[in-house]
Protein backbone atom coordinates (compact mmCIF):
# COMPACT_ATOMS: atom_id res chain seq x y z
CA MET A 1 -26.31 -36.36 26.80
CA HIS A 2 -22.52 -35.95 26.54
CA LEU A 3 -20.38 -33.27 25.05
CA GLU A 4 -19.91 -33.38 21.42
CA MET A 5 -18.05 -31.06 19.06
CA LEU A 6 -19.55 -29.38 16.04
CA MET A 7 -17.50 -27.48 13.39
CA VAL A 8 -18.82 -25.49 10.51
CA VAL A 9 -16.36 -23.77 8.21
CA VAL A 10 -17.94 -21.05 6.06
CA ASN A 11 -16.13 -19.57 3.01
CA CYS A 12 -15.64 -15.88 3.54
CA GLN A 13 -15.90 -15.05 -0.18
CA THR A 14 -18.92 -17.18 -1.14
CA GLY A 15 -20.75 -17.64 2.12
CA LEU A 16 -21.14 -21.25 1.44
CA ILE A 17 -20.20 -24.08 3.80
CA ASP A 18 -16.85 -25.43 2.96
CA GLN A 19 -16.56 -28.05 5.75
CA TYR A 20 -18.87 -29.53 8.29
CA GLY A 21 -17.96 -31.96 11.10
CA GLY A 22 -20.39 -33.13 13.78
CA PRO A 23 -21.37 -36.55 15.06
CA SER A 24 -25.16 -36.12 15.51
CA LEU A 25 -26.32 -32.96 13.67
CA GLU A 26 -26.96 -32.28 10.02
CA VAL A 27 -26.36 -28.79 8.69
CA GLU A 28 -30.04 -28.34 7.99
CA GLN A 29 -30.90 -29.03 11.68
CA LEU A 30 -28.68 -26.05 12.94
CA SER A 31 -31.44 -23.50 11.92
CA GLU A 32 -33.84 -25.30 14.18
CA LEU A 33 -31.70 -25.09 17.31
CA PRO A 34 -32.72 -22.50 19.88
CA LEU A 35 -30.28 -19.60 20.17
CA GLU A 36 -31.16 -18.30 23.60
CA PRO A 37 -30.69 -20.23 26.82
CA VAL A 38 -33.79 -20.82 28.92
CA LEU A 39 -31.81 -20.72 32.17
CA SER A 40 -30.26 -17.65 33.70
CA LYS A 41 -26.78 -17.70 35.06
CA GLU A 42 -28.16 -17.95 38.58
CA GLU A 43 -30.53 -20.80 37.77
CA ALA A 44 -27.68 -22.70 36.20
CA GLU A 45 -25.41 -22.21 39.19
CA ASN A 46 -28.21 -23.23 41.59
CA LEU A 47 -28.93 -26.39 39.50
CA PHE A 48 -25.22 -27.30 39.38
CA LEU A 49 -24.82 -26.84 43.23
CA SER A 50 -28.05 -28.83 43.90
CA HIS A 51 -26.39 -31.80 42.08
CA LEU A 52 -22.91 -31.33 43.43
CA ASP A 53 -21.24 -33.77 45.86
CA VAL A 54 -17.67 -34.49 46.74
CA ASN A 55 -15.81 -37.75 47.14
CA LEU A 56 -12.44 -38.35 48.84
CA ALA A 57 -9.83 -39.83 46.56
CA TRP A 58 -6.22 -40.67 46.58
CA THR A 59 -4.14 -38.63 44.01
CA ILE A 60 -0.49 -39.11 43.11
CA ASP A 61 1.73 -36.24 44.13
CA TYR A 62 3.88 -35.80 41.01
CA ASP A 63 5.86 -33.00 42.57
CA SER A 64 7.27 -35.41 45.24
CA LYS A 65 10.58 -37.27 44.68
CA ASP A 66 9.01 -40.35 46.11
CA VAL A 67 5.73 -41.99 45.12
CA ASP A 68 3.42 -40.12 47.49
CA TYR A 69 -0.37 -39.97 47.53
CA ILE A 70 -2.48 -37.07 48.64
CA LEU A 71 -6.01 -37.31 49.91
CA THR A 72 -8.03 -34.84 47.80
CA TYR A 73 -11.73 -33.90 47.24
CA GLU A 74 -13.20 -34.54 43.78
CA ALA A 75 -16.40 -32.86 42.71
CA CYS A 76 -19.04 -35.21 41.38
CA ASN A 77 -22.74 -35.72 40.57
CA LYS A 78 -24.81 -36.76 43.71
CA LYS A 79 -26.67 -39.40 41.70
CA THR A 80 -24.11 -40.84 39.33
CA LYS A 81 -20.82 -40.08 41.28
CA THR A 82 -19.35 -38.99 37.87
CA ALA A 83 -17.77 -35.58 37.31
CA ILE A 84 -20.18 -32.87 36.32
CA SER A 85 -19.13 -31.34 32.94
CA GLY A 86 -21.93 -28.81 32.67
CA ILE A 87 -25.44 -27.82 32.56
CA HIS A 88 -27.36 -27.88 29.27
CA ALA A 89 -28.49 -24.23 28.78
CA ILE A 90 -31.64 -25.14 26.90
CA THR A 91 -32.91 -28.11 28.74
CA GLY A 92 -31.43 -27.59 32.25
CA GLU A 93 -30.02 -31.21 32.15
CA VAL A 94 -26.98 -31.96 34.34
CA ILE A 95 -24.26 -33.34 32.01
CA SER A 96 -21.85 -35.77 33.60
CA TYR A 97 -18.68 -37.25 32.14
CA ARG A 98 -18.91 -40.87 30.99
CA GLU A 99 -17.22 -43.54 33.13
């Protein structure tokens, strides 16, 4: 699962939906979505930390007048080595950025 954006614009006067934008949900499906997370903040943090690893990477130092590189640490998922973008609050799934 990857991050997606959902937008629902409701008319303040009529209460009707004026605009809807979303790549994988229909408006009718919104009422079926759970509203409360199943993970506590502490559980999500522990899950995040259990999947967290770091890689060394060379990064360009844009503040330098010359083209200099700095060795930096980049946080990533232990399994996929891609950046972790979040924890799904309902399923507990670790969400990583696409390569």
